[in-house]
Amino acid sequence: MTFYAAPDYYTDMKKRSVLRNVALLGLSVAVALFVTESALRITGRKPLVVNPEQTLFWHYHPELGWAHEPGVEGVFEKPQFRTLVRINQKGLRDRDHTYERKDETKRILVLGDSFAWGFGVEQTERFSEHLEEFMEVEVINAGVSGYSTDQELLWYRSEGIQYRPDLVILVMSGNDAGDNHKLRNYMIYGKPRFILEGEDLKLTGVPVSGVSAQYKVVYYLAQRSALLNAVLAARRQMRARLHSADDTATPYELTRALLREIENVASGNGARFMIVTTRVFWSRADKYADFVDILRADGFSVLDSEAQFDHDTMIIPGDGHWNPAGHEFVARKIEEYIRADTLLGAR
């Protein structure tokens, strides 16, 4: 007599086999991820580091992406430093300034990113405060960490011109040209972006989108995984190379157009314009030198802060931003440049 197993028995065995294979695959993937994560950490790769000023002092802005929360105060602390930050009622890390001019004192408006903002130094230690003392002028510091040239242009057109400065100083570091091509920065923060249509700048991405659930999850995991952070960093580098390739025919075309527009707004409101550059955060020194040469060939007033700058003694160790000595050095260089080119008129 022949016995046959019920069809359900074979179906059940097949399901068990599939589940076993899926479990083995999942275990293999988990082990591979664990080994890779461990290897990356052993070799010095780390999860995403989020600078605390983002959560302490920023809030969403529909046009700029983010801006300072007016009136907020807090301690900005990292292993390399501990500083006090106060944001005034107009959203600047500065003392209060009125829009109206009270006397004939010359007025300078500073635009820029973390270097202008004073990343890692006290407010009184920044180059803007030194410059105010050296030249007996009023200096309004409108630097915001992470800003690129497009955000600085938008803020200046809507808010900065109300201060009616005699001189506008824009501080540029190595990530600005690439960030001008982005619609998102720090992986989670949306931002505006201009595109060139012929010689005209067209604003896109406004109002800036909020943070999606997907980005929140990736942002959370990247702060805990060196592997994910490495993958995202490689993706950013690939995009940066694409932007660099786009700039081959006309180098830094978008950034140069944004700078021209800032200069046009300044001159249209009776102000002079100068650019201060630093090679910090540039991938290569020769690219930085080329960028400075291009800006000068375009006719911009450019101060290369690197001349005689001592990175061993003027940079925050393990960080890259100017320390108090670096800020004082840059202030002296700006003073010399302004006086030599009479950017504030003859004294």
C-alpha atoms as a PDB file:
ATOM      1  CA  MET A   1       0.000   0.000   0.000  1.00  0.00           C
ATOM      2  CA  THR A   2       1.365   3.455  -0.983  1.00  0.00           C
ATOM      3  CA  PHE A   3       0.925   6.473   1.255  1.00  0.00           C
ATOM      4  CA  TYR A   4       0.886  10.015  -0.083  1.00  0.00           C
ATOM      5  CA  ALA A   5       1.532  13.095   2.024  1.00  0.00           C
ATOM      6  CA  ALA A   6      -1.180  15.678   2.048  1.00  0.00           C
ATOM      7  CA  PRO A   7      -0.591  18.698  -0.231  1.00  0.00           C
ATOM      8  CA  ASP A   8      -0.665  20.967   2.819  1.00  0.00           C
ATOM      9  CA  TYR A   9       2.400  19.206   4.181  1.00  0.00           C
ATOM     10  CA  TYR A  10       4.464  20.075   1.098  1.00  0.00           C
ATOM     11  CA  THR A  11       3.153  23.665   1.146  1.00  0.00           C
ATOM     12  CA  ASP A  12       4.098  23.986   4.799  1.00  0.00           C
ATOM     13  CA  MET A  13       7.604  22.617   4.135  1.00  0.00           C
ATOM     14  CA  LYS A  14       8.092  25.056   1.274  1.00  0.00           C
ATOM     15  CA  LYS A  15       7.010  27.990   3.457  1.00  0.00           C
ATOM     16  CA  ARG A  16       9.399  26.906   6.188  1.00  0.00           C
ATOM     17  CA  SER A  17      12.234  26.670   3.678  1.00  0.00           C
ATOM     18  CA  VAL A  18      11.512  30.171   2.356  1.00  0.00           C
ATOM     19  CA  LEU A  19      11.326  31.611   5.862  1.00  0.00           C
ATOM     20  CA  ARG A  20      14.579  29.885   6.818  1.00  0.00           C
ATOM     21  CA  ASN A  21      16.326  31.293   3.752  1.00  0.00           C
ATOM     22  CA  VAL A  22      14.973  34.785   4.426  1.00  0.00           C
ATOM     23  CA  ALA A  23      16.131  34.548   8.032  1.00  0.00           C
ATOM     24  CA  LEU A  24      19.598  33.433   6.956  1.00  0.00           C
ATOM     25  CA  LEU A  25      19.782  36.236   4.424  1.00  0.00           C
ATOM     26  CA  GLY A  26      18.683  38.763   7.029  1.00  0.00           C
ATOM     27  CA  LEU A  27      21.258  37.448   9.512  1.00  0.00           C
ATOM     28  CA  SER A  28      23.996  37.578   6.858  1.00  0.00           C
ATOM     29  CA  VAL A  29      23.123  41.174   5.972  1.00  0.00           C
ATOM     30  CA  ALA A  30      23.040  42.141   9.662  1.00  0.00           C
ATOM     31  CA  VAL A  31      26.451  40.569  10.285  1.00  0.00           C
ATOM     32  CA  ALA A  32      27.908  42.243   7.184  1.00  0.00           C
ATOM     33  CA  LEU A  33      26.539  45.640   8.255  1.00  0.00           C
ATOM     34  CA  PHE A  34      27.873  45.148  11.789  1.00  0.00           C
ATOM     35  CA  VAL A  35      31.333  44.186  10.532  1.00  0.00           C
ATOM     36  CA  THR A  36      31.429  47.123   8.087  1.00  0.00           C
ATOM     37  CA  GLU A  37      30.203  49.565  10.738  1.00  0.00           C
ATOM     38  CA  SER A  38      32.835  48.316  13.195  1.00  0.00           C
ATOM     39  CA  ALA A  39      35.601  48.510  10.582  1.00  0.00           C
ATOM     40  CA  LEU A  40      34.671  52.081   9.675  1.00  0.00           C
ATOM     41  CA  ARG A  41      34.721  53.176  13.308  1.00  0.00           C
ATOM     42  CA  ILE A  42      38.066  51.462  13.910  1.00  0.00           C
ATOM     43  CA  THR A  43      39.532  53.376  10.958  1.00  0.00           C
ATOM     44  CA  GLY A  44      38.242  56.673  12.321  1.00  0.00           C
ATOM     45  CA  ARG A  45      35.004  57.137  10.392  1.00  0.00           C
ATOM     46  CA  LYS A  46      32.197  58.480  12.552  1.00  0.00           C
ATOM     47  CA  PRO A  47      28.439  58.977  12.443  1.00  0.00           C
ATOM     48  CA  LEU A  48      27.090  62.364  11.389  1.00  0.00           C
ATOM     49  CA  VAL A  49      28.040  65.114  13.834  1.00  0.00           C
ATOM     50  CA  VAL A  50      25.323  67.748  14.191  1.00  0.00           C
ATOM     51  CA  ASN A  51      26.553  71.132  15.319  1.00  0.00           C
ATOM     52  CA  PRO A  52      24.443  72.180  18.323  1.00  0.00           C
ATOM     53  CA  GLU A  53      23.831  75.718  17.041  1.00  0.00           C
ATOM     54  CA  GLN A  54      21.281  74.258  14.636  1.00  0.00           C
ATOM     55  CA  THR A  55      18.934  73.125  17.403  1.00  0.00           C
ATOM     56  CA  LEU A  56      19.803  75.935  19.810  1.00  0.00           C
ATOM     57  CA  PHE A  57      19.489  79.017  17.610  1.00  0.00           C
ATOM     58  CA  TRP A  58      17.809  78.205  14.282  1.00  0.00           C
ATOM     59  CA  HIS A  59      14.175  78.158  13.225  1.00  0.00           C
ATOM     60  CA  TYR A  60      12.478  77.424   9.912  1.00  0.00           C
ATOM     61  CA  HIS A  61      12.248  80.306   7.445  1.00  0.00           C
ATOM     62  CA  PRO A  62      10.071  79.986   4.310  1.00  0.00           C
ATOM     63  CA  GLU A  63      12.442  81.975   2.066  1.00  0.00           C
ATOM     64  CA  LEU A  64      15.883  81.418   3.588  1.00  0.00           C
ATOM     65  CA  GLY A  65      15.444  77.852   4.840  1.00  0.00           C
ATOM     66  CA  TRP A  66      16.590  78.712   8.347  1.00  0.00           C
ATOM     67  CA  ALA A  67      17.310  81.848  10.335  1.00  0.00           C
ATOM     68  CA  HIS A  68      18.182  82.783  13.890  1.00  0.00           C
ATOM     69  CA  GLU A  69      15.405  82.762  16.457  1.00  0.00           C
ATOM     70  CA  PRO A  70      15.180  86.411  17.620  1.00  0.00           C
ATOM     71  CA  GLY A  71      16.017  86.960  21.275  1.00  0.00           C
ATOM     72  CA  VAL A  72      17.327  83.453  21.971  1.00  0.00           C
ATOM     73  CA  GLU A  73      20.376  82.946  24.170  1.00  0.00           C
ATOM     74  CA  GLY A  74      22.398  79.832  24.939  1.00  0.00           C
ATOM     75  CA  VAL A  75      25.742  78.132  25.356  1.00  0.00           C
ATOM     76  CA  PHE A  76      27.284  76.775  22.159  1.00  0.00           C
ATOM     77  CA  GLU A  77      29.623  73.997  23.224  1.00  0.00           C
ATOM     78  CA  LYS A  78      31.809  71.425  21.479  1.00  0.00           C
ATOM     79  CA  PRO A  79      34.903  69.539  22.687  1.00  0.00           C
ATOM     80  CA  GLN A  80      37.115  72.340  21.319  1.00  0.00           C
ATOM     81  CA  PHE A  81      35.299  75.336  22.844  1.00  0.00           C
ATOM     82  CA  ARG A  82      32.470  76.723  24.969  1.00  0.00           C
ATOM     83  CA  THR A  83      30.940  80.072  23.950  1.00  0.00           C
ATOM     84  CA  LEU A  84      27.934  82.185  24.839  1.00  0.00           C
ATOM     85  CA  VAL A  85      25.607  83.147  21.978  1.00  0.00           C
ATOM     86  CA  ARG A  86      22.989  85.889  22.107  1.00  0.00           C
ATOM     87  CA  ILE A  87      20.701  86.603  19.165  1.00  0.00           C
ATOM     88  CA  ASN A  88      19.242  90.116  19.061  1.00  0.00           C
ATOM     89  CA  GLN A  89      15.642  91.032  18.304  1.00  0.00           C
ATOM     90  CA  LYS A  90      16.320  91.261  14.562  1.00  0.00           C
ATOM     91  CA  GLY A  91      17.785  87.760  14.409  1.00  0.00           C
ATOM     92  CA  LEU A  92      21.490  88.671  14.355  1.00  0.00           C
ATOM     93  CA  ARG A  93      24.281  87.518  16.614  1.00  0.00           C
ATOM     94  CA  ASP A  94      25.121  91.081  17.481  1.00  0.00           C
ATOM     95  CA  ARG A  95      24.117  93.922  19.732  1.00  0.00           C
ATOM     96  CA  ASP A  96      20.989  95.802  18.699  1.00  0.00           C
ATOM     97  CA  HIS A  97      21.338  98.191  15.756  1.00  0.00           C
ATOM     98  CA  THR A  98      18.667 100.557  14.528  1.00  0.00           C
ATOM     99  CA  TYR A  99      17.871 100.841  10.846  1.00  0.00           C
ATOM    100  CA  GLU A 100      18.163 104.616  11.103  1.00  0.00           C
ATOM    101  CA  ARG A 101      21.582 106.267  11.107  1.00  0.00           C
ATOM    102  CA  LYS A 102      22.058 108.258  14.300  1.00  0.00           C
ATOM    103  CA  ASP A 103      25.116 110.231  13.203  1.00  0.00           C
ATOM    104  CA  GLU A 104      27.744 110.410  10.465  1.00  0.00           C
ATOM    105  CA  THR A 105      29.629 107.334  11.671  1.00  0.00           C
ATOM    106  CA  LYS A 106      30.461 105.039   8.747  1.00  0.00           C
ATOM    107  CA  ARG A 107      28.525 101.785   8.682  1.00  0.00           C
ATOM    108  CA  ILE A 108      29.723  98.336   7.543  1.00  0.00           C
ATOM    109  CA  LEU A 109      27.428  95.350   7.013  1.00  0.00           C
ATOM    110  CA  VAL A 110      29.005  91.878   7.195  1.00  0.00           C
ATOM    111  CA  LEU A 111      27.425  88.946   5.351  1.00  0.00           C
ATOM    112  CA  GLY A 112      28.691  85.392   5.506  1.00  0.00           C
ATOM    113  CA  ASP A 113      28.525  81.926   6.989  1.00  0.00           C
ATOM    114  CA  SER A 114      30.049  80.412  10.138  1.00  0.00           C
ATOM    115  CA  PHE A 115      33.283  82.407   9.765  1.00  0.00           C
ATOM    116  CA  ALA A 116      31.382  85.683   9.913  1.00  0.00           C
ATOM    117  CA  TRP A 117      29.021  84.325  12.592  1.00  0.00           C
ATOM    118  CA  GLY A 118      31.979  83.569  14.866  1.00  0.00           C
ATOM    119  CA  PHE A 119      31.901  79.784  15.092  1.00  0.00           C
ATOM    120  CA  GLY A 120      33.743  78.785  18.260  1.00  0.00           C
ATOM    121  CA  VAL A 121      34.621  82.265  19.544  1.00  0.00           C
ATOM    122  CA  GLU A 122      32.897  84.791  21.758  1.00  0.00           C
ATOM    123  CA  GLN A 123      31.033  87.632  20.099  1.00  0.00           C
ATOM    124  CA  THR A 124      33.606  90.158  21.335  1.00  0.00           C
ATOM    125  CA  GLU A 125      36.416  88.118  19.736  1.00  0.00           C
ATOM    126  CA  ARG A 126      35.093  88.234  16.164  1.00  0.00           C
ATOM    127  CA  PHE A 127      36.794  90.199  13.397  1.00  0.00           C
ATOM    128  CA  SER A 128      33.715  92.439  13.077  1.00  0.00           C
ATOM    129  CA  GLU A 129      34.073  93.709  16.639  1.00  0.00           C
ATOM    130  CA  HIS A 130      37.829  94.232  16.178  1.00  0.00           C
ATOM    131  CA  LEU A 131      37.220  96.103  12.935  1.00  0.00           C
ATOM    132  CA  GLU A 132      34.720  98.363  14.659  1.00  0.00           C
ATOM    133  CA  GLU A 133      37.350  99.257  17.238  1.00  0.00           C
ATOM    134  CA  PHE A 134      40.250  99.626  14.800  1.00  0.00           C
ATOM    135  CA  MET A 135      38.384 101.914  12.391  1.00  0.00           C
ATOM    136  CA  GLU A 136      35.922 103.676  14.714  1.00  0.00           C
ATOM    137  CA  VAL A 137      32.987 102.595  12.561  1.00  0.00           C
ATOM    138  CA  GLU A 138      29.719 100.786  13.206  1.00  0.00           C
ATOM    139  CA  VAL A 139      29.816  97.156  12.088  1.00  0.00           C
ATOM    140  CA  ILE A 140      26.635  95.082  11.793  1.00  0.00           C
ATOM    141  CA  ASN A 141      27.357  91.356  11.708  1.00  0.00           C
ATOM    142  CA  ALA A 142      24.669  89.416   9.814  1.00  0.00           C
ATOM    143  CA  GLY A 143      26.583  86.129   9.516  1.00  0.00           C
ATOM    144  CA  VAL A 144      24.586  82.906   9.822  1.00  0.00           C
ATOM    145  CA  SER A 145      26.209  79.480  10.051  1.00  0.00           C
ATOM    146  CA  GLY A 146      25.682  77.414   6.926  1.00  0.00           C
ATOM    147  CA  TYR A 147      24.492  80.227   4.690  1.00  0.00           C
ATOM    148  CA  SER A 148      25.640  80.249   1.083  1.00  0.00           C
ATOM    149  CA  THR A 149      25.737  83.177  -1.322  1.00  0.00           C
ATOM    150  CA  ASP A 150      22.115  82.743  -2.422  1.00  0.00           C
ATOM    151  CA  GLN A 151      20.745  83.029   1.123  1.00  0.00           C
ATOM    152  CA  GLU A 152      22.993  86.015   1.815  1.00  0.00           C
ATOM    153  CA  LEU A 153      21.669  87.758  -1.294  1.00  0.00           C
ATOM    154  CA  LEU A 154      18.041  87.143  -0.290  1.00  0.00           C
ATOM    155  CA  TRP A 155      18.578  88.372   3.265  1.00  0.00           C
ATOM    156  CA  TYR A 156      20.475  91.439   2.082  1.00  0.00           C
ATOM    157  CA  ARG A 157      17.785  92.416  -0.461  1.00  0.00           C
ATOM    158  CA  SER A 158      14.949  92.103   2.049  1.00  0.00           C
ATOM    159  CA  GLU A 159      16.534  93.076   5.367  1.00  0.00           C
ATOM    160  CA  GLY A 160      20.142  94.193   5.055  1.00  0.00           C
ATOM    161  CA  ILE A 161      19.531  97.215   2.824  1.00  0.00           C
ATOM    162  CA  GLN A 162      17.402  98.734   5.598  1.00  0.00           C
ATOM    163  CA  TYR A 163      20.588  99.382   7.588  1.00  0.00           C
ATOM    164  CA  ARG A 164      21.885 101.600   4.749  1.00  0.00           C
ATOM    165  CA  PRO A 165      25.551 100.560   5.080  1.00  0.00           C
ATOM    166  CA  ASP A 166      28.419 102.394   3.412  1.00  0.00           C
ATOM    167  CA  LEU A 167      30.262  99.126   2.787  1.00  0.00           C
ATOM    168  CA  VAL A 168      29.124  95.507   2.470  1.00  0.00           C
ATOM    169  CA  ILE A 169      31.676  92.797   3.291  1.00  0.00           C
ATOM    170  CA  LEU A 170      30.943  89.220   2.224  1.00  0.00           C
ATOM    171  CA  VAL A 171      32.993  86.421   3.814  1.00  0.00           C
ATOM    172  CA  MET A 172      33.322  83.268   1.670  1.00  0.00           C
ATOM    173  CA  SER A 173      34.667  79.828   2.616  1.00  0.00           C
ATOM    174  CA  GLY A 174      35.225  76.683   0.578  1.00  0.00           C
ATOM    175  CA  ASN A 175      31.746  75.172   0.680  1.00  0.00           C
ATOM    176  CA  ASP A 176      29.840  78.211  -0.599  1.00  0.00           C
ATOM    177  CA  ALA A 177      30.197  77.630  -4.339  1.00  0.00           C
ATOM    178  CA  GLY A 178      28.921  74.060  -4.078  1.00  0.00           C
ATOM    179  CA  ASP A 179      26.113  74.919  -1.661  1.00  0.00           C
ATOM    180  CA  ASN A 180      24.756  77.484  -4.113  1.00  0.00           C
ATOM    181  CA  HIS A 181      23.640  74.537  -6.270  1.00  0.00           C
ATOM    182  CA  LYS A 182      21.759  72.771  -3.460  1.00  0.00           C
ATOM    183  CA  LEU A 183      18.093  72.733  -2.459  1.00  0.00           C
ATOM    184  CA  ARG A 184      18.943  71.058   0.832  1.00  0.00           C
ATOM    185  CA  ASN A 185      21.838  71.470   3.225  1.00  0.00           C
ATOM    186  CA  TYR A 186      23.011  69.537   6.272  1.00  0.00           C
ATOM    187  CA  MET A 187      20.940  66.703   4.788  1.00  0.00           C
ATOM    188  CA  ILE A 188      17.759  67.925   6.450  1.00  0.00           C
ATOM    189  CA  TYR A 189      17.474  71.699   6.047  1.00  0.00           C
ATOM    190  CA  GLY A 190      15.814  72.920   2.879  1.00  0.00           C
ATOM    191  CA  LYS A 191      17.130  76.068   1.231  1.00  0.00           C
ATOM    192  CA  PRO A 192      16.388  78.266  -1.788  1.00  0.00           C
ATOM    193  CA  ARG A 193      18.357  77.970  -5.002  1.00  0.00           C
ATOM    194  CA  PHE A 194      18.872  80.300  -7.937  1.00  0.00           C
ATOM    195  CA  ILE A 195      19.325  79.006 -11.454  1.00  0.00           C
ATOM    196  CA  LEU A 196      20.748  80.924 -14.390  1.00  0.00           C
ATOM    197  CA  GLU A 197      18.553  81.545 -17.401  1.00  0.00           C
ATOM    198  CA  GLY A 198      20.912  83.299 -19.757  1.00  0.00           C
ATOM    199  CA  GLU A 199      22.267  86.123 -17.626  1.00  0.00           C
ATOM    200  CA  ASP A 200      19.210  86.272 -15.374  1.00  0.00           C
ATOM    201  CA  LEU A 201      18.936  84.710 -11.927  1.00  0.00           C
ATOM    202  CA  LYS A 202      15.704  82.820 -11.297  1.00  0.00           C
ATOM    203  CA  LEU A 203      14.785  81.884  -7.740  1.00  0.00           C
ATOM    204  CA  THR A 204      13.502  78.333  -7.168  1.00  0.00           C
ATOM    205  CA  GLY A 205      12.535  76.247  -4.152  1.00  0.00           C
ATOM    206  CA  VAL A 206      10.594  79.025  -2.395  1.00  0.00           C
ATOM    207  CA  PRO A 207       8.731  78.674  -0.162  1.00  0.00           C
ATOM    208  CA  VAL A 208      11.271  76.235   1.205  1.00  0.00           C
ATOM    209  CA  SER A 209       9.762  72.840   1.893  1.00  0.00           C
ATOM    210  CA  GLY A 210       9.591  71.534   5.421  1.00  0.00           C
ATOM    211  CA  VAL A 211      11.343  68.409   6.618  1.00  0.00           C
ATOM    212  CA  SER A 212       9.733  65.170   5.428  1.00  0.00           C
ATOM    213  CA  ALA A 213       9.419  62.069   7.593  1.00  0.00           C
ATOM    214  CA  GLN A 214      11.876  60.288   5.290  1.00  0.00           C
ATOM    215  CA  TYR A 215      14.580  62.903   5.833  1.00  0.00           C
ATOM    216  CA  LYS A 216      13.979  62.861   9.586  1.00  0.00           C
ATOM    217  CA  VAL A 217      14.524  59.103   9.704  1.00  0.00           C
ATOM    218  CA  VAL A 218      17.690  59.244   7.570  1.00  0.00           C
ATOM    219  CA  TYR A 219      18.977  62.195   9.602  1.00  0.00           C
ATOM    220  CA  TYR A 220      18.364  60.281  12.850  1.00  0.00           C
ATOM    221  CA  LEU A 221      20.092  57.115  11.603  1.00  0.00           C
ATOM    222  CA  ALA A 222      23.062  58.978  10.111  1.00  0.00           C
ATOM    223  CA  GLN A 223      23.834  60.395  13.546  1.00  0.00           C
ATOM    224  CA  ARG A 224      24.162  56.819  14.794  1.00  0.00           C
ATOM    225  CA  SER A 225      25.781  54.995  11.872  1.00  0.00           C
ATOM    226  CA  ALA A 226      29.224  55.623  10.419  1.00  0.00           C
ATOM    227  CA  LEU A 227      28.285  53.441   7.439  1.00  0.00           C
ATOM    228  CA  LEU A 228      25.198  55.429   6.512  1.00  0.00           C
ATOM    229  CA  ASN A 229      27.058  58.676   7.039  1.00  0.00           C
ATOM    230  CA  ALA A 230      29.845  57.438   4.726  1.00  0.00           C
ATOM    231  CA  VAL A 231      27.314  56.486   2.036  1.00  0.00           C
ATOM    232  CA  LEU A 232      25.641  59.894   2.262  1.00  0.00           C
ATOM    233  CA  ALA A 233      29.024  61.652   2.176  1.00  0.00           C
ATOM    234  CA  ALA A 234      29.954  59.752  -0.993  1.00  0.00           C
ATOM    235  CA  ARG A 235      26.647  60.789  -2.526  1.00  0.00           C
ATOM    236  CA  ARG A 236      27.326  64.438  -1.688  1.00  0.00           C
ATOM    237  CA  GLN A 237      30.813  64.208  -3.195  1.00  0.00           C
ATOM    238  CA  MET A 238      29.366  62.761  -6.390  1.00  0.00           C
ATOM    239  CA  ARG A 239      26.933  65.661  -6.660  1.00  0.00           C
ATOM    240  CA  ALA A 240      29.727  68.134  -5.928  1.00  0.00           C
ATOM    241  CA  ARG A 241      31.767  66.648  -8.795  1.00  0.00           C
ATOM    242  CA  LEU A 242      28.768  67.028 -11.090  1.00  0.00           C
ATOM    243  CA  HIS A 243      28.463  70.697 -10.122  1.00  0.00           C
ATOM    244  CA  SER A 244      32.206  71.092 -10.655  1.00  0.00           C
ATOM    245  CA  ALA A 245      31.810  69.589 -14.129  1.00  0.00           C
ATOM    246  CA  ASP A 246      28.963  72.012 -14.823  1.00  0.00           C
ATOM    247  CA  ASP A 247      31.324  74.870 -13.950  1.00  0.00           C
ATOM    248  CA  THR A 248      34.079  73.740 -16.347  1.00  0.00           C
ATOM    249  CA  ALA A 249      33.005  75.806 -19.365  1.00  0.00           C
ATOM    250  CA  THR A 250      32.310  78.923 -17.295  1.00  0.00           C
ATOM    251  CA  PRO A 251      33.942  78.426 -13.880  1.00  0.00           C
ATOM    252  CA  TYR A 252      31.732  79.194 -10.861  1.00  0.00           C
ATOM    253  CA  GLU A 253      29.189  80.859 -13.123  1.00  0.00           C
ATOM    254  CA  LEU A 254      26.280  80.731 -10.657  1.00  0.00           C
ATOM    255  CA  THR A 255      28.331  81.966  -7.705  1.00  0.00           C
ATOM    256  CA  ARG A 256      29.770  84.816  -9.757  1.00  0.00           C
ATOM    257  CA  ALA A 257      26.285  85.848 -10.880  1.00  0.00           C
ATOM    258  CA  LEU A 258      25.086  85.873  -7.259  1.00  0.00           C
ATOM    259  CA  LEU A 259      28.058  88.011  -6.231  1.00  0.00           C
ATOM    260  CA  ARG A 260      27.394  90.438  -9.094  1.00  0.00           C
ATOM    261  CA  GLU A 261      23.792  90.779  -7.937  1.00  0.00           C
ATOM    262  CA  ILE A 262      24.874  91.512  -4.357  1.00  0.00           C
ATOM    263  CA  GLU A 263      27.269  94.141  -5.694  1.00  0.00           C
ATOM    264  CA  ASN A 264      24.489  95.623  -7.844  1.00  0.00           C
ATOM    265  CA  VAL A 265      22.143  95.858  -4.847  1.00  0.00           C
ATOM    266  CA  ALA A 266      24.921  97.449  -2.793  1.00  0.00           C
ATOM    267  CA  SER A 267      25.847 100.044  -5.411  1.00  0.00           C
ATOM    268  CA  GLY A 268      22.169 100.773  -6.073  1.00  0.00           C
ATOM    269  CA  ASN A 269      21.844 101.679  -2.413  1.00  0.00           C
ATOM    270  CA  GLY A 270      24.989 103.776  -2.219  1.00  0.00           C
ATOM    271  CA  ALA A 271      27.315 101.130  -0.739  1.00  0.00           C
ATOM    272  CA  ARG A 272      30.667  99.700  -1.794  1.00  0.00           C
ATOM    273  CA  PHE A 273      31.231  95.932  -1.869  1.00  0.00           C
ATOM    274  CA  MET A 274      34.187  93.718  -1.023  1.00  0.00           C
ATOM    275  CA  ILE A 275      34.746  89.974  -0.653  1.00  0.00           C
ATOM    276  CA  VAL A 276      36.918  88.276   1.978  1.00  0.00           C
ATOM    277  CA  THR A 277      37.992  84.726   1.094  1.00  0.00           C
ATOM    278  CA  THR A 278      39.532  81.882   3.092  1.00  0.00           C
ATOM    279  CA  ARG A 279      40.836  78.591   1.727  1.00  0.00           C
ATOM    280  CA  VAL A 280      39.381  76.665   4.687  1.00  0.00           C
ATOM    281  CA  PHE A 281      37.004  73.900   3.475  1.00  0.00           C
ATOM    282  CA  TRP A 282      38.310  74.057  -0.091  1.00  0.00           C
ATOM    283  CA  SER A 283      39.139  70.570  -1.372  1.00  0.00           C
ATOM    284  CA  ARG A 284      42.346  71.788  -3.060  1.00  0.00           C
ATOM    285  CA  ALA A 285      44.524  74.858  -2.642  1.00  0.00           C
ATOM    286  CA  ASP A 286      44.874  75.335  -6.414  1.00  0.00           C
ATOM    287  CA  LYS A 287      41.078  75.477  -6.833  1.00  0.00           C
ATOM    288  CA  TYR A 288      40.936  78.146  -4.161  1.00  0.00           C
ATOM    289  CA  ALA A 289      43.661  80.176  -5.875  1.00  0.00           C
ATOM    290  CA  ASP A 290      41.862  79.880  -9.214  1.00  0.00           C
ATOM    291  CA  PHE A 291      38.612  81.057  -7.612  1.00  0.00           C
ATOM    292  CA  VAL A 292      40.270  84.150  -6.139  1.00  0.00           C
ATOM    293  CA  ASP A 293      41.900  84.949  -9.498  1.00  0.00           C
ATOM    294  CA  ILE A 294      38.554  84.593 -11.300  1.00  0.00           C
ATOM    295  CA  LEU A 295      36.801  86.945  -8.880  1.00  0.00           C
ATOM    296  CA  ARG A 296      39.541  89.542  -9.283  1.00  0.00           C
ATOM    297  CA  ALA A 297      39.401  89.209 -13.060  1.00  0.00           C
ATOM    298  CA  ASP A 298      35.659  89.897 -12.791  1.00  0.00           C
ATOM    299  CA  GLY A 299      36.503  93.205 -11.149  1.00  0.00           C
ATOM    300  CA  PHE A 300      35.474  92.382  -7.578  1.00  0.00           C
ATOM    301  CA  SER A 301      37.378  93.864  -4.648  1.00  0.00           C
ATOM    302  CA  VAL A 302      38.773  90.676  -3.085  1.00  0.00           C
ATOM    303  CA  LEU A 303      40.844  90.294   0.068  1.00  0.00           C
ATOM    304  CA  ASP A 304      42.551  86.904   0.220  1.00  0.00           C
ATOM    305  CA  SER A 305      42.845  86.432   3.985  1.00  0.00           C
ATOM    306  CA  GLU A 306      45.374  83.620   3.508  1.00  0.00           C
ATOM    307  CA  ALA A 307      48.345  85.934   2.901  1.00  0.00           C
ATOM    308  CA  GLN A 308      50.550  85.452   5.994  1.00  0.00           C
ATOM    309  CA  PHE A 309      47.742  83.610   7.805  1.00  0.00           C
ATOM    310  CA  ASP A 310      49.213  81.017  10.178  1.00  0.00           C
ATOM    311  CA  HIS A 311      46.929  77.980  10.272  1.00  0.00           C
ATOM    312  CA  ASP A 312      48.916  76.443  13.126  1.00  0.00           C
ATOM    313  CA  THR A 313      48.148  79.268  15.538  1.00  0.00           C
ATOM    314  CA  MET A 314      45.029  80.944  14.098  1.00  0.00           C
ATOM    315  CA  ILE A 315      42.660  77.990  13.614  1.00  0.00           C
ATOM    316  CA  ILE A 316      40.615  76.157  16.267  1.00  0.00           C
ATOM    317  CA  PRO A 317      42.344  72.752  16.590  1.00  0.00           C
ATOM    318  CA  GLY A 318      40.317  69.902  15.144  1.00  0.00           C
ATOM    319  CA  ASP A 319      37.707  72.279  13.764  1.00  0.00           C
ATOM    320  CA  GLY A 320      38.966  74.583  11.004  1.00  0.00           C
ATOM    321  CA  HIS A 321      37.342  77.894  11.926  1.00  0.00           C
ATOM    322  CA  TRP A 322      39.307  80.980  12.925  1.00  0.00           C
ATOM    323  CA  ASN A 323      40.214  81.207  16.599  1.00  0.00           C
ATOM    324  CA  PRO A 324      40.416  84.591  18.403  1.00  0.00           C
ATOM    325  CA  ALA A 325      43.914  85.238  17.007  1.00  0.00           C
ATOM    326  CA  GLY A 326      42.669  84.404  13.513  1.00  0.00           C
ATOM    327  CA  HIS A 327      39.758  86.818  13.813  1.00  0.00           C
ATOM    328  CA  GLU A 328      42.036  89.625  14.995  1.00  0.00           C
ATOM    329  CA  PHE A 329      44.466  88.929  12.123  1.00  0.00           C
ATOM    330  CA  VAL A 330      41.652  89.030   9.551  1.00  0.00           C
ATOM    331  CA  ALA A 331      40.310  92.254  11.059  1.00  0.00           C
ATOM    332  CA  ARG A 332      43.717  93.907  10.590  1.00  0.00           C
ATOM    333  CA  LYS A 333      43.870  92.706   6.988  1.00  0.00           C
ATOM    334  CA  ILE A 334      40.380  94.049   6.273  1.00  0.00           C
ATOM    335  CA  GLU A 335      41.290  97.386   7.840  1.00  0.00           C
ATOM    336  CA  GLU A 336      44.414  97.647   5.667  1.00  0.00           C
ATOM    337  CA  TYR A 337      42.447  96.754   2.542  1.00  0.00           C
ATOM    338  CA  ILE A 338      39.653  99.263   3.230  1.00  0.00           C
ATOM    339  CA  ARG A 339      42.124 102.079   3.877  1.00  0.00           C
ATOM    340  CA  ALA A 340      44.285 101.237   0.847  1.00  0.00           C
ATOM    341  CA  ASP A 341      41.292 101.168  -1.513  1.00  0.00           C
ATOM    342  CA  THR A 342      39.470 104.006   0.307  1.00  0.00           C
ATOM    343  CA  LEU A 343      36.316 101.860   0.362  1.00  0.00           C
ATOM    344  CA  LEU A 344      34.907 104.116   3.061  1.00  0.00           C
ATOM    345  CA  GLY A 345      36.205 107.282   1.450  1.00  0.00           C
ATOM    346  CA  ALA A 346      39.262 109.340   2.389  1.00  0.00           C
ATOM    347  CA  ARG A 347      39.660 110.068   6.057  1.00  0.00           C
END
